Structures are given as structure tokens and as C-alpha cells.
């Protein structure tokens, strides 16, 4: 199975999702999105595929989220902020041929494996 995980190695949930994929015999493509960043189109497509809005996929506990007043922002403004500041995207996102999920909680992975 082809899979891609948008991964932050410092995140326990992201590390656990990667381990779950590998333990299940999947050798995913690992994208360290904090290093590579995002395009607006990439995020928009991923959120649509996962059935989420940018606001639903934002890391609301991130200090920057509050500093940028994103709680009152439009989805377009949240999306622009995520492109400028990749850390604002919740993690991990996993994409397989069966679908796209924000693997939080980790059991959501089962839906696309």
C-alpha cells in the first residue's frame, strides 16, 4: 500500500502513527512538513479529502494561533497562516489510496489502512 505521512518527529502522536503504519507492513513516504512547508493548494486539497475545514485542522493550542487571532479568522485567513507558518497544521495527516485522515486519535488510521 502506498501511503504518505506528514510527520513531525517531535510529536508523540506523529511518531506513534508512523510506527503503526510500519508495524502494519506499510513503508510510507515521510514528509517532514516543518522542513518542506505547504502550498495553499496542497493544504486545501488535503483538508477537503479529510473532510475538514482549515479551522478544524489548525493547532489551536499553538501559541502562534492565539498571537495571530486565528480563532476569529476566516478559513482563507487560517489557510494563509498555515502556509506561512506550517506549525499551525495539526498532525499527523496520513494519505493512502483509501483516503486522507488526520490521525488524531491514532485509531483514525484504521479507516484508511
PDB file of N, CA and C in Angstrom:
ATOM      1  N   UNK A   1       0.838  -1.180   0.000  1.00  0.00           N
ATOM      2  CA  UNK A   1       0.000   0.000   0.000  1.00  0.00           C
ATOM      3  C   UNK A   1       0.881   1.242   0.000  1.00  0.00           C
ATOM      4  N   UNK A   2       0.528   2.177  -0.866  1.00  0.00           N
ATOM      5  CA  UNK A   2       1.207   3.465  -0.880  1.00  0.00           C
ATOM      6  C   UNK A   2       0.606   4.354   0.200  1.00  0.00           C
ATOM      7  N   UNK A   3       1.467   5.030   0.939  1.00  0.00           N
ATOM      8  CA  UNK A   3       0.997   5.939   1.983  1.00  0.00           C
ATOM      9  C   UNK A   3       1.998   7.068   2.137  1.00  0.00           C
ATOM     10  N   UNK A   4       1.475   8.214   2.527  1.00  0.00           N
ATOM     11  CA  UNK A   4       2.304   9.367   2.852  1.00  0.00           C
ATOM     12  C   UNK A   4       1.864   9.864   4.218  1.00  0.00           C
ATOM     13  N   UNK A   5       2.839  10.125   5.074  1.00  0.00           N
ATOM     14  CA  UNK A   5       2.559  10.711   6.371  1.00  0.00           C
ATOM     15  C   UNK A   5       3.247  12.071   6.432  1.00  0.00           C
ATOM     16  N   UNK A   6       2.465  13.071   6.797  1.00  0.00           N
ATOM     17  CA  UNK A   6       3.005  14.412   7.013  1.00  0.00           C
ATOM     18  C   UNK A   6       3.357  14.459   8.494  1.00  0.00           C
ATOM     19  N   UNK A   7       4.648  14.401   8.754  1.00  0.00           N
ATOM     20  CA  UNK A   7       5.201  13.978  10.037  1.00  0.00           C
ATOM     21  C   UNK A   7       6.004  15.074  10.721  1.00  0.00           C
ATOM     22  N   UNK A   8       5.834  15.142  12.031  1.00  0.00           N
ATOM     23  CA  UNK A   8       6.689  15.963  12.883  1.00  0.00           C
ATOM     24  C   UNK A   8       7.342  15.005  13.861  1.00  0.00           C
ATOM     25  N   UNK A   9       8.630  14.740  13.719  1.00  0.00           N
ATOM     26  CA  UNK A   9       9.285  13.747  14.567  1.00  0.00           C
ATOM     27  C   UNK A   9       9.298  14.113  16.052  1.00  0.00           C
ATOM     28  N   UNK A  10       9.022  15.354  16.383  1.00  0.00           N
ATOM     29  CA  UNK A  10       8.980  15.756  17.798  1.00  0.00           C
ATOM     30  C   UNK A  10       7.628  15.495  18.439  1.00  0.00           C
ATOM     31  N   UNK A  11       6.655  15.091  17.655  1.00  0.00           N
ATOM     32  CA  UNK A  11       5.287  14.874  18.143  1.00  0.00           C
ATOM     33  C   UNK A  11       5.075  13.389  18.449  1.00  0.00           C
ATOM     34  N   UNK A  12       4.650  13.091  19.664  1.00  0.00           N
ATOM     35  CA  UNK A  12       4.414  11.705  20.062  1.00  0.00           C
ATOM     36  C   UNK A  12       3.352  11.046  19.196  1.00  0.00           C
ATOM     37  N   UNK A  13       2.253  11.731  18.935  1.00  0.00           N
ATOM     38  CA  UNK A  13       1.190  11.150  18.115  1.00  0.00           C
ATOM     39  C   UNK A  13       1.688  10.865  16.706  1.00  0.00           C
ATOM     40  N   UNK A  14       2.482  11.759  16.162  1.00  0.00           N
ATOM     41  CA  UNK A  14       3.034  11.560  14.825  1.00  0.00           C
ATOM     42  C   UNK A  14       3.989  10.362  14.814  1.00  0.00           C
ATOM     43  N   UNK A  15       4.826  10.257  15.818  1.00  0.00           N
ATOM     44  CA  UNK A  15       5.744   9.104  15.905  1.00  0.00           C
ATOM     45  C   UNK A  15       4.959   7.806  16.044  1.00  0.00           C
ATOM     46  N   UNK A  16       3.901   7.828  16.851  1.00  0.00           N
ATOM     47  CA  UNK A  16       3.083   6.626  17.029  1.00  0.00           C
ATOM     48  C   UNK A  16       2.352   6.239  15.745  1.00  0.00           C
ATOM     49  N   UNK A  17       1.887   7.226  14.993  1.00  0.00           N
ATOM     50  CA  UNK A  17       1.224   6.940  13.713  1.00  0.00           C
ATOM     51  C   UNK A  17       2.211   6.318  12.732  1.00  0.00           C
ATOM     52  N   UNK A  18       3.415   6.852  12.675  1.00  0.00           N
ATOM     53  CA  UNK A  18       4.433   6.290  11.792  1.00  0.00           C
ATOM     54  C   UNK A  18       4.748   4.847  12.196  1.00  0.00           C
ATOM     55  N   UNK A  19       4.874   4.604  13.482  1.00  0.00           N
ATOM     56  CA  UNK A  19       5.141   3.237  13.962  1.00  0.00           C
ATOM     57  C   UNK A  19       3.985   2.304  13.614  1.00  0.00           C
ATOM     58  N   UNK A  20       2.749   2.777  13.763  1.00  0.00           N
ATOM     59  CA  UNK A  20       1.575   1.952  13.433  1.00  0.00           C
ATOM     60  C   UNK A  20       1.574   1.590  11.946  1.00  0.00           C
ATOM     61  N   UNK A  21       1.894   2.555  11.100  1.00  0.00           N
ATOM     62  CA  UNK A  21       1.975   2.262   9.673  1.00  0.00           C
ATOM     63  C   UNK A  21       3.023   1.186   9.407  1.00  0.00           C
ATOM     64  N   UNK A  22       4.196   1.383   9.952  1.00  0.00           N
ATOM     65  CA  UNK A  22       5.295   0.422   9.714  1.00  0.00           C
ATOM     66  C   UNK A  22       4.989  -0.939  10.317  1.00  0.00           C
ATOM     67  N   UNK A  23       4.411  -0.956  11.507  1.00  0.00           N
ATOM     68  CA  UNK A  23       4.036  -2.234  12.133  1.00  0.00           C
ATOM     69  C   UNK A  23       2.996  -2.970  11.308  1.00  0.00           C
ATOM     70  N   UNK A  24       2.198  -2.234  10.553  1.00  0.00           N
ATOM     71  CA  UNK A  24       1.195  -2.832   9.683  1.00  0.00           C
ATOM     72  C   UNK A  24       1.729  -3.214   8.313  1.00  0.00           C
ATOM     73  N   UNK A  25       3.041  -3.111   8.129  1.00  0.00           N
ATOM     74  CA  UNK A  25       3.660  -3.507   6.869  1.00  0.00           C
ATOM     75  C   UNK A  25       3.667  -2.424   5.804  1.00  0.00           C
ATOM     76  N   UNK A  26       3.355  -1.191   6.192  1.00  0.00           N
ATOM     77  CA  UNK A  26       3.343  -0.072   5.251  1.00  0.00           C
ATOM     78  C   UNK A  26       4.643   0.708   5.416  1.00  0.00           C
ATOM     79  N   UNK A  27       5.320   0.936   4.299  1.00  0.00           N
ATOM     80  CA  UNK A  27       6.539   1.747   4.302  1.00  0.00           C
ATOM     81  C   UNK A  27       6.190   3.099   3.688  1.00  0.00           C
ATOM     82  N   UNK A  28       5.722   4.026   4.518  1.00  0.00           N
ATOM     83  CA  UNK A  28       5.196   5.274   3.971  1.00  0.00           C
ATOM     84  C   UNK A  28       6.289   6.229   3.523  1.00  0.00           C
ATOM     85  N   UNK A  29       5.889   7.111   2.635  1.00  0.00           N
ATOM     86  CA  UNK A  29       6.728   8.259   2.307  1.00  0.00           C
ATOM     87  C   UNK A  29       6.550   9.220   3.476  1.00  0.00           C
ATOM     88  N   UNK A  30       7.650   9.660   4.052  1.00  0.00           N
ATOM     89  CA  UNK A  30       7.612  10.541   5.216  1.00  0.00           C
ATOM     90  C   UNK A  30       7.959  11.957   4.768  1.00  0.00           C
ATOM     91  N   UNK A  31       7.028  12.870   4.988  1.00  0.00           N
ATOM     92  CA  UNK A  31       7.235  14.275   4.636  1.00  0.00           C
ATOM     93  C   UNK A  31       7.325  15.066   5.936  1.00  0.00           C
ATOM     94  N   UNK A  32       8.476  15.616   6.191  1.00  0.00           N
ATOM     95  CA  UNK A  32       8.658  16.463   7.373  1.00  0.00           C
ATOM     96  C   UNK A  32       8.217  17.874   6.999  1.00  0.00           C
ATOM     97  N   UNK A  33       6.931  18.109   7.176  1.00  0.00           N
ATOM     98  CA  UNK A  33       6.311  19.327   6.656  1.00  0.00           C
ATOM     99  C   UNK A  33       6.842  20.606   7.301  1.00  0.00           C
ATOM    100  N   UNK A  34       7.411  20.510   8.489  1.00  0.00           N
ATOM    101  CA  UNK A  34       8.001  21.715   9.076  1.00  0.00           C
ATOM    102  C   UNK A  34       9.233  22.152   8.292  1.00  0.00           C
ATOM    103  N   UNK A  35       9.888  21.198   7.626  1.00  0.00           N
ATOM    104  CA  UNK A  35      11.061  21.499   6.794  1.00  0.00           C
ATOM    105  C   UNK A  35      10.658  21.902   5.378  1.00  0.00           C
ATOM    106  N   UNK A  36       9.652  21.213   4.822  1.00  0.00           N
ATOM    107  CA  UNK A  36       9.289  21.435   3.421  1.00  0.00           C
ATOM    108  C   UNK A  36       8.238  22.520   3.232  1.00  0.00           C
ATOM    109  N   UNK A  37       7.411  22.721   4.261  1.00  0.00           N
ATOM    110  CA  UNK A  37       6.326  23.686   4.144  1.00  0.00           C
ATOM    111  C   UNK A  37       5.175  23.122   3.330  1.00  0.00           C
ATOM    112  N   UNK A  38       4.183  23.984   3.101  1.00  0.00           N
ATOM    113  CA  UNK A  38       2.972  23.610   2.378  1.00  0.00           C
ATOM    114  C   UNK A  38       2.697  24.638   1.289  1.00  0.00           C
ATOM    115  N   UNK A  39       1.937  24.218   0.298  1.00  0.00           N
ATOM    116  CA  UNK A  39       1.334  25.185  -0.620  1.00  0.00           C
ATOM    117  C   UNK A  39      -0.130  25.302  -0.216  1.00  0.00           C
ATOM    118  N   UNK A  40      -0.722  26.391  -0.617  1.00  0.00           N
ATOM    119  CA  UNK A  40      -2.141  26.616  -0.315  1.00  0.00           C
ATOM    120  C   UNK A  40      -2.991  25.514  -0.955  1.00  0.00           C
ATOM    121  N   UNK A  41      -2.679  25.170  -2.196  1.00  0.00           N
ATOM    122  CA  UNK A  41      -3.423  24.141  -2.922  1.00  0.00           C
ATOM    123  C   UNK A  41      -3.285  22.782  -2.234  1.00  0.00           C
ATOM    124  N   UNK A  42      -2.086  22.464  -1.824  1.00  0.00           N
ATOM    125  CA  UNK A  42      -1.829  21.186  -1.160  1.00  0.00           C
ATOM    126  C   UNK A  42      -2.671  21.061   0.115  1.00  0.00           C
ATOM    127  N   UNK A  43      -2.650  22.094   0.944  1.00  0.00           N
ATOM    128  CA  UNK A  43      -3.437  22.056   2.174  1.00  0.00           C
ATOM    129  C   UNK A  43      -4.926  21.992   1.873  1.00  0.00           C
ATOM    130  N   UNK A  44      -5.380  22.805   0.957  1.00  0.00           N
ATOM    131  CA  UNK A  44      -6.797  22.841   0.617  1.00  0.00           C
ATOM    132  C   UNK A  44      -7.277  21.464   0.150  1.00  0.00           C
ATOM    133  N   UNK A  45      -6.523  20.831  -0.725  1.00  0.00           N
ATOM    134  CA  UNK A  45      -6.884  19.505  -1.228  1.00  0.00           C
ATOM    135  C   UNK A  45      -6.863  18.466  -0.111  1.00  0.00           C
ATOM    136  N   UNK A  46      -5.863  18.530   0.759  1.00  0.00           N
ATOM    137  CA  UNK A  46      -5.746  17.562   1.839  1.00  0.00           C
ATOM    138  C   UNK A  46      -6.902  17.713   2.832  1.00  0.00           C
ATOM    139  N   UNK A  47      -7.231  18.956   3.176  1.00  0.00           N
ATOM    140  CA  UNK A  47      -8.334  19.175   4.108  1.00  0.00           C
ATOM    141  C   UNK A  47      -9.662  18.726   3.503  1.00  0.00           C
ATOM    142  N   UNK A  48      -9.876  19.019   2.235  1.00  0.00           N
ATOM    143  CA  UNK A  48     -11.111  18.593   1.570  1.00  0.00           C
ATOM    144  C   UNK A  48     -11.209  17.066   1.568  1.00  0.00           C
ATOM    145  N   UNK A  49     -10.103  16.394   1.242  1.00  0.00           N
ATOM    146  CA  UNK A  49     -10.087  14.931   1.213  1.00  0.00           C
ATOM    147  C   UNK A  49     -10.348  14.337   2.598  1.00  0.00           C
ATOM    148  N   UNK A  50      -9.912  15.032   3.634  1.00  0.00           N
ATOM    149  CA  UNK A  50     -10.106  14.556   5.004  1.00  0.00           C
ATOM    150  C   UNK A  50     -11.459  14.980   5.577  1.00  0.00           C
ATOM    151  N   UNK A  51     -12.183  15.835   4.842  1.00  0.00           N
ATOM    152  CA  UNK A  51     -13.473  16.308   5.318  1.00  0.00           C
ATOM    153  C   UNK A  51     -13.361  17.338   6.432  1.00  0.00           C
ATOM    154  N   UNK A  52     -12.282  18.123   6.396  1.00  0.00           N
ATOM    155  CA  UNK A  52     -12.037  19.126   7.429  1.00  0.00           C
ATOM    156  C   UNK A  52     -11.942  20.520   6.836  1.00  0.00           C
ATOM    157  N   UNK A  53     -12.256  21.497   7.627  1.00  0.00           N
ATOM    158  CA  UNK A  53     -12.009  22.885   7.250  1.00  0.00           C
ATOM    159  C   UNK A  53     -10.632  23.276   7.782  1.00  0.00           C
ATOM    160  N   UNK A  54     -10.049  24.349   7.265  1.00  0.00           N
ATOM    161  CA  UNK A  54      -8.783  24.804   7.828  1.00  0.00           C
ATOM    162  C   UNK A  54      -8.866  25.050   9.342  1.00  0.00           C
ATOM    163  N   UNK A  55      -9.961  25.622   9.791  1.00  0.00           N
ATOM    164  CA  UNK A  55     -10.113  25.876  11.230  1.00  0.00           C
ATOM    165  C   UNK A  55     -10.102  24.571  12.031  1.00  0.00           C
ATOM    166  N   UNK A  56     -10.716  23.522  11.495  1.00  0.00           N
ATOM    167  CA  UNK A  56     -10.740  22.230  12.191  1.00  0.00           C
ATOM    168  C   UNK A  56      -9.362  21.565  12.206  1.00  0.00           C
ATOM    169  N   UNK A  57      -8.520  21.888  11.231  1.00  0.00           N
ATOM    170  CA  UNK A  57      -7.206  21.267  11.110  1.00  0.00           C
ATOM    171  C   UNK A  57      -6.096  22.113  11.732  1.00  0.00           C
ATOM    172  N   UNK A  58      -6.469  23.184  12.399  1.00  0.00           N
ATOM    173  CA  UNK A  58      -5.470  24.075  12.997  1.00  0.00           C
ATOM    174  C   UNK A  58      -5.097  23.609  14.396  1.00  0.00           C
ATOM    175  N   UNK A  59      -3.838  23.829  14.735  1.00  0.00           N
ATOM    176  CA  UNK A  59      -3.347  23.556  16.096  1.00  0.00           C
ATOM    177  C   UNK A  59      -3.717  24.737  16.993  1.00  0.00           C
ATOM    178  N   UNK A  60      -4.847  24.621  17.628  1.00  0.00           N
ATOM    179  CA  UNK A  60      -5.371  25.720  18.433  1.00  0.00           C
ATOM    180  C   UNK A  60      -4.576  25.951  19.714  1.00  0.00           C
ATOM    181  N   UNK A  61      -3.830  24.967  20.168  1.00  0.00           N
ATOM    182  CA  UNK A  61      -3.002  25.134  21.367  1.00  0.00           C
ATOM    183  C   UNK A  61      -1.666  25.789  21.060  1.00  0.00           C
ATOM    184  N   UNK A  62      -1.375  25.951  19.782  1.00  0.00           N
ATOM    185  CA  UNK A  62      -0.120  26.581  19.372  1.00  0.00           C
ATOM    186  C   UNK A  62      -0.160  28.064  19.752  1.00  0.00           C
ATOM    187  N   UNK A  63       0.891  28.545  20.385  1.00  0.00           N
ATOM    188  CA  UNK A  63       0.964  29.941  20.824  1.00  0.00           C
ATOM    189  C   UNK A  63       0.710  30.903  19.663  1.00  0.00           C
ATOM    190  N   UNK A  64       1.254  30.598  18.503  1.00  0.00           N
ATOM    191  CA  UNK A  64       1.107  31.439  17.318  1.00  0.00           C
ATOM    192  C   UNK A  64      -0.355  31.573  16.891  1.00  0.00           C
ATOM    193  N   UNK A  65      -1.141  30.530  17.107  1.00  0.00           N
ATOM    194  CA  UNK A  65      -2.568  30.560  16.772  1.00  0.00           C
ATOM    195  C   UNK A  65      -3.249  31.718  17.501  1.00  0.00           C
ATOM    196  N   UNK A  66      -2.932  31.847  18.770  1.00  0.00           N
ATOM    197  CA  UNK A  66      -3.516  32.922  19.573  1.00  0.00           C
ATOM    198  C   UNK A  66      -2.933  34.272  19.190  1.00  0.00           C
ATOM    199  N   UNK A  67      -1.629  34.316  18.966  1.00  0.00           N
ATOM    200  CA  UNK A  67      -0.968  35.575  18.605  1.00  0.00           C
ATOM    201  C   UNK A  67      -1.529  36.162  17.309  1.00  0.00           C
ATOM    202  N   UNK A  68      -1.897  35.295  16.378  1.00  0.00           N
ATOM    203  CA  UNK A  68      -2.431  35.741  15.089  1.00  0.00           C
ATOM    204  C   UNK A  68      -3.949  35.917  15.103  1.00  0.00           C
ATOM    205  N   UNK A  69      -4.566  35.723  16.267  1.00  0.00           N
ATOM    206  CA  UNK A  69      -6.022  35.870  16.414  1.00  0.00           C
ATOM    207  C   UNK A  69      -6.792  35.004  15.414  1.00  0.00           C
ATOM    208  N   UNK A  70      -6.368  33.758  15.251  1.00  0.00           N
ATOM    209  CA  UNK A  70      -6.987  32.897  14.250  1.00  0.00           C
ATOM    210  C   UNK A  70      -8.336  32.339  14.682  1.00  0.00           C
ATOM    211  N   UNK A  71      -8.673  32.433  15.950  1.00  0.00           N
ATOM    212  CA  UNK A  71      -9.975  31.938  16.401  1.00  0.00           C
ATOM    213  C   UNK A  71     -11.112  32.701  15.728  1.00  0.00           C
ATOM    214  N   UNK A  72     -10.876  33.952  15.380  1.00  0.00           N
ATOM    215  CA  UNK A  72     -11.901  34.776  14.737  1.00  0.00           C
ATOM    216  C   UNK A  72     -11.652  34.961  13.242  1.00  0.00           C
ATOM    217  N   UNK A  73     -10.705  34.222  12.691  1.00  0.00           N
ATOM    218  CA  UNK A  73     -10.324  34.395  11.287  1.00  0.00           C
ATOM    219  C   UNK A  73     -11.203  33.542  10.374  1.00  0.00           C
ATOM    220  N   UNK A  74     -11.274  33.947   9.122  1.00  0.00           N
ATOM    221  CA  UNK A  74     -11.970  33.150   8.104  1.00  0.00           C
ATOM    222  C   UNK A  74     -11.111  31.938   7.743  1.00  0.00           C
ATOM    223  N   UNK A  75     -11.726  30.964   7.073  1.00  0.00           N
ATOM    224  CA  UNK A  75     -10.954  29.796   6.628  1.00  0.00           C
ATOM    225  C   UNK A  75      -9.822  30.209   5.694  1.00  0.00           C
ATOM    226  N   UNK A  76     -10.053  31.186   4.829  1.00  0.00           N
ATOM    227  CA  UNK A  76      -8.989  31.659   3.938  1.00  0.00           C
ATOM    228  C   UNK A  76      -7.834  32.252   4.733  1.00  0.00           C
ATOM    229  N   UNK A  77      -8.138  32.995   5.766  1.00  0.00           N
ATOM    230  CA  UNK A  77      -7.085  33.587   6.595  1.00  0.00           C
ATOM    231  C   UNK A  77      -6.322  32.517   7.365  1.00  0.00           C
ATOM    232  N   UNK A  78      -7.034  31.511   7.870  1.00  0.00           N
ATOM    233  CA  UNK A  78      -6.376  30.408   8.570  1.00  0.00           C
ATOM    234  C   UNK A  78      -5.473  29.652   7.599  1.00  0.00           C
ATOM    235  N   UNK A  79      -5.959  29.391   6.403  1.00  0.00           N
ATOM    236  CA  UNK A  79      -5.171  28.685   5.393  1.00  0.00           C
ATOM    237  C   UNK A  79      -3.913  29.473   5.038  1.00  0.00           C
ATOM    238  N   UNK A  80      -4.035  30.759   4.843  1.00  0.00           N
ATOM    239  CA  UNK A  80      -2.867  31.595   4.554  1.00  0.00           C
ATOM    240  C   UNK A  80      -1.860  31.545   5.705  1.00  0.00           C
ATOM    241  N   UNK A  81      -2.351  31.572   6.932  1.00  0.00           N
ATOM    242  CA  UNK A  81      -1.461  31.499   8.092  1.00  0.00           C
ATOM    243  C   UNK A  81      -0.735  30.156   8.146  1.00  0.00           C
ATOM    244  N   UNK A  82      -1.440  29.080   7.781  1.00  0.00           N
ATOM    245  CA  UNK A  82      -0.827  27.750   7.783  1.00  0.00           C
ATOM    246  C   UNK A  82       0.281  27.643   6.740  1.00  0.00           C
ATOM    247  N   UNK A  83       0.086  28.271   5.602  1.00  0.00           N
ATOM    248  CA  UNK A  83       1.125  28.262   4.567  1.00  0.00           C
ATOM    249  C   UNK A  83       2.351  29.044   5.073  1.00  0.00           C
ATOM    250  N   UNK A  84       2.108  30.166   5.706  1.00  0.00           N
ATOM    251  CA  UNK A  84       3.206  30.987   6.221  1.00  0.00           C
ATOM    252  C   UNK A  84       3.870  30.357   7.439  1.00  0.00           C
ATOM    253  N   UNK A  85       3.099  29.590   8.208  1.00  0.00           N
ATOM    254  CA  UNK A  85       3.591  29.005   9.472  1.00  0.00           C
ATOM    255  C   UNK A  85       3.141  27.541   9.550  1.00  0.00           C
ATOM    256  N   UNK A  86       3.888  26.618   8.936  1.00  0.00           N
ATOM    257  CA  UNK A  86       3.476  25.212   8.873  1.00  0.00           C
ATOM    258  C   UNK A  86       3.165  24.583  10.235  1.00  0.00           C
ATOM    259  N   UNK A  87       3.727  25.104  11.295  1.00  0.00           N
ATOM    260  CA  UNK A  87       3.496  24.560  12.634  1.00  0.00           C
ATOM    261  C   UNK A  87       2.024  24.666  13.041  1.00  0.00           C
ATOM    262  N   UNK A  88       1.256  25.506  12.379  1.00  0.00           N
ATOM    263  CA  UNK A  88      -0.157  25.691  12.709  1.00  0.00           C
ATOM    264  C   UNK A  88      -1.045  24.542  12.246  1.00  0.00           C
ATOM    265  N   UNK A  89      -0.516  23.633  11.432  1.00  0.00           N
ATOM    266  CA  UNK A  89      -1.298  22.495  10.930  1.00  0.00           C
ATOM    267  C   UNK A  89      -1.223  21.363  11.945  1.00  0.00           C
ATOM    268  N   UNK A  90      -2.401  20.859  12.331  1.00  0.00           N
ATOM    269  CA  UNK A  90      -2.461  19.722  13.247  1.00  0.00           C
ATOM    270  C   UNK A  90      -1.766  18.533  12.598  1.00  0.00           C
ATOM    271  N   UNK A  91      -1.332  17.605  13.405  1.00  0.00           N
ATOM    272  CA  UNK A  91      -0.565  16.476  12.889  1.00  0.00           C
ATOM    273  C   UNK A  91      -0.945  15.199  13.620  1.00  0.00           C
ATOM    274  N   UNK A  92      -0.651  14.093  12.944  1.00  0.00           N
ATOM    275  CA  UNK A  92      -0.162  13.903  11.583  1.00  0.00           C
ATOM    276  C   UNK A  92      -1.308  13.671  10.603  1.00  0.00           C
ATOM    277  N   UNK A  93      -1.125  14.102   9.391  1.00  0.00           N
ATOM    278  CA  UNK A  93      -2.035  13.742   8.310  1.00  0.00           C
ATOM    279  C   UNK A  93      -1.430  12.550   7.592  1.00  0.00           C
ATOM    280  N   UNK A  94      -2.280  11.591   7.235  1.00  0.00           N
ATOM    281  CA  UNK A  94      -1.849  10.395   6.505  1.00  0.00           C
ATOM    282  C   UNK A  94      -2.743  10.255   5.281  1.00  0.00           C
ATOM    283  N   UNK A  95      -2.112   9.988   4.141  1.00  0.00           N
ATOM    284  CA  UNK A  95      -2.815   9.819   2.876  1.00  0.00           C
ATOM    285  C   UNK A  95      -2.502   8.433   2.327  1.00  0.00           C
ATOM    286  N   UNK A  96      -3.558   7.675   2.024  1.00  0.00           N
ATOM    287  CA  UNK A  96      -3.408   6.384   1.336  1.00  0.00           C
ATOM    288  C   UNK A  96      -4.404   6.370   0.183  1.00  0.00           C
ATOM    289  N   UNK A  97      -4.392   5.297  -0.606  1.00  0.00           N
ATOM    290  CA  UNK A  97      -5.353   5.215  -1.695  1.00  0.00           C
ATOM    291  C   UNK A  97      -6.780   5.051  -1.165  1.00  0.00           C
ATOM    292  N   UNK A  98      -6.928   4.730   0.124  1.00  0.00           N
ATOM    293  CA  UNK A  98      -8.252   4.590   0.728  1.00  0.00           C
ATOM    294  C   UNK A  98      -8.770   5.889   1.330  1.00  0.00           C
ATOM    295  N   UNK A  99      -7.933   6.918   1.371  1.00  0.00           N
ATOM    296  CA  UNK A  99      -8.405   8.186   1.904  1.00  0.00           C
ATOM    297  C   UNK A  99      -7.343   8.986   2.613  1.00  0.00           C
ATOM    298  N   UNK A 100      -7.776  10.088   3.179  1.00  0.00           N
ATOM    299  CA  UNK A 100      -6.908  11.007   3.903  1.00  0.00           C
ATOM    300  C   UNK A 100      -7.504  11.231   5.280  1.00  0.00           C
ATOM    301  N   UNK A 101      -6.668  11.141   6.296  1.00  0.00           N
ATOM    302  CA  UNK A 101      -7.144  11.349   7.665  1.00  0.00           C
ATOM    303  C   UNK A 101      -6.130  12.144   8.477  1.00  0.00           C
ATOM    304  N   UNK A 102      -6.669  12.942   9.378  1.00  0.00           N
ATOM    305  CA  UNK A 102      -5.875  13.484  10.465  1.00  0.00           C
ATOM    306  C   UNK A 102      -5.871  12.371  11.502  1.00  0.00           C
ATOM    307  N   UNK A 103      -4.724  11.778  11.745  1.00  0.00           N
ATOM    308  CA  UNK A 103      -4.615  10.595  12.604  1.00  0.00           C
ATOM    309  C   UNK A 103      -4.561  10.987  14.077  1.00  0.00           C
ATOM    310  N   UNK A 104      -5.595  11.653  14.490  1.00  0.00           N
ATOM    311  CA  UNK A 104      -5.721  12.103  15.871  1.00  0.00           C
ATOM    312  C   UNK A 104      -7.178  11.941  16.248  1.00  0.00           C
ATOM    313  N   UNK A 105      -7.560  10.957  17.025  1.00  0.00           N
ATOM    314  CA  UNK A 105      -6.702   9.974  17.667  1.00  0.00           C
ATOM    315  C   UNK A 105      -6.160   8.963  16.666  1.00  0.00           C
ATOM    316  N   UNK A 106      -5.166   8.239  17.097  1.00  0.00           N
ATOM    317  CA  UNK A 106      -4.425   7.350  16.204  1.00  0.00           C
ATOM    318  C   UNK A 106      -5.314   6.275  15.577  1.00  0.00           C
ATOM    319  N   UNK A 107      -6.395   5.915  16.230  1.00  0.00           N
ATOM    320  CA  UNK A 107      -7.316   4.919  15.690  1.00  0.00           C
ATOM    321  C   UNK A 107      -7.943   5.322  14.363  1.00  0.00           C
ATOM    322  N   UNK A 108      -7.924   6.599  14.046  1.00  0.00           N
ATOM    323  CA  UNK A 108      -8.447   7.071  12.752  1.00  0.00           C
ATOM    324  C   UNK A 108      -7.681   6.468  11.578  1.00  0.00           C
ATOM    325  N   UNK A 109      -6.455   6.038  11.824  1.00  0.00           N
ATOM    326  CA  UNK A 109      -5.655   5.402  10.753  1.00  0.00           C
ATOM    327  C   UNK A 109      -6.332   4.146  10.236  1.00  0.00           C
ATOM    328  N   UNK A 110      -7.003   3.423  11.120  1.00  0.00           N
ATOM    329  CA  UNK A 110      -7.642   2.158  10.730  1.00  0.00           C
ATOM    330  C   UNK A 110      -8.638   2.361   9.583  1.00  0.00           C
ATOM    331  N   UNK A 111      -9.217   3.566   9.488  1.00  0.00           N
ATOM    332  CA  UNK A 111     -10.202   3.854   8.459  1.00  0.00           C
ATOM    333  C   UNK A 111      -9.604   3.857   7.047  1.00  0.00           C
ATOM    334  N   UNK A 112      -8.290   4.060   6.947  1.00  0.00           N
ATOM    335  CA  UNK A 112      -7.674   4.166   5.619  1.00  0.00           C
ATOM    336  C   UNK A 112      -6.578   3.138   5.376  1.00  0.00           C
ATOM    337  N   UNK A 113      -6.465   2.173   6.262  1.00  0.00           N
ATOM    338  CA  UNK A 113      -5.471   1.112   6.060  1.00  0.00           C
ATOM    339  C   UNK A 113      -6.131  -0.162   5.561  1.00  0.00           C
TER     340      UNK A 113
END
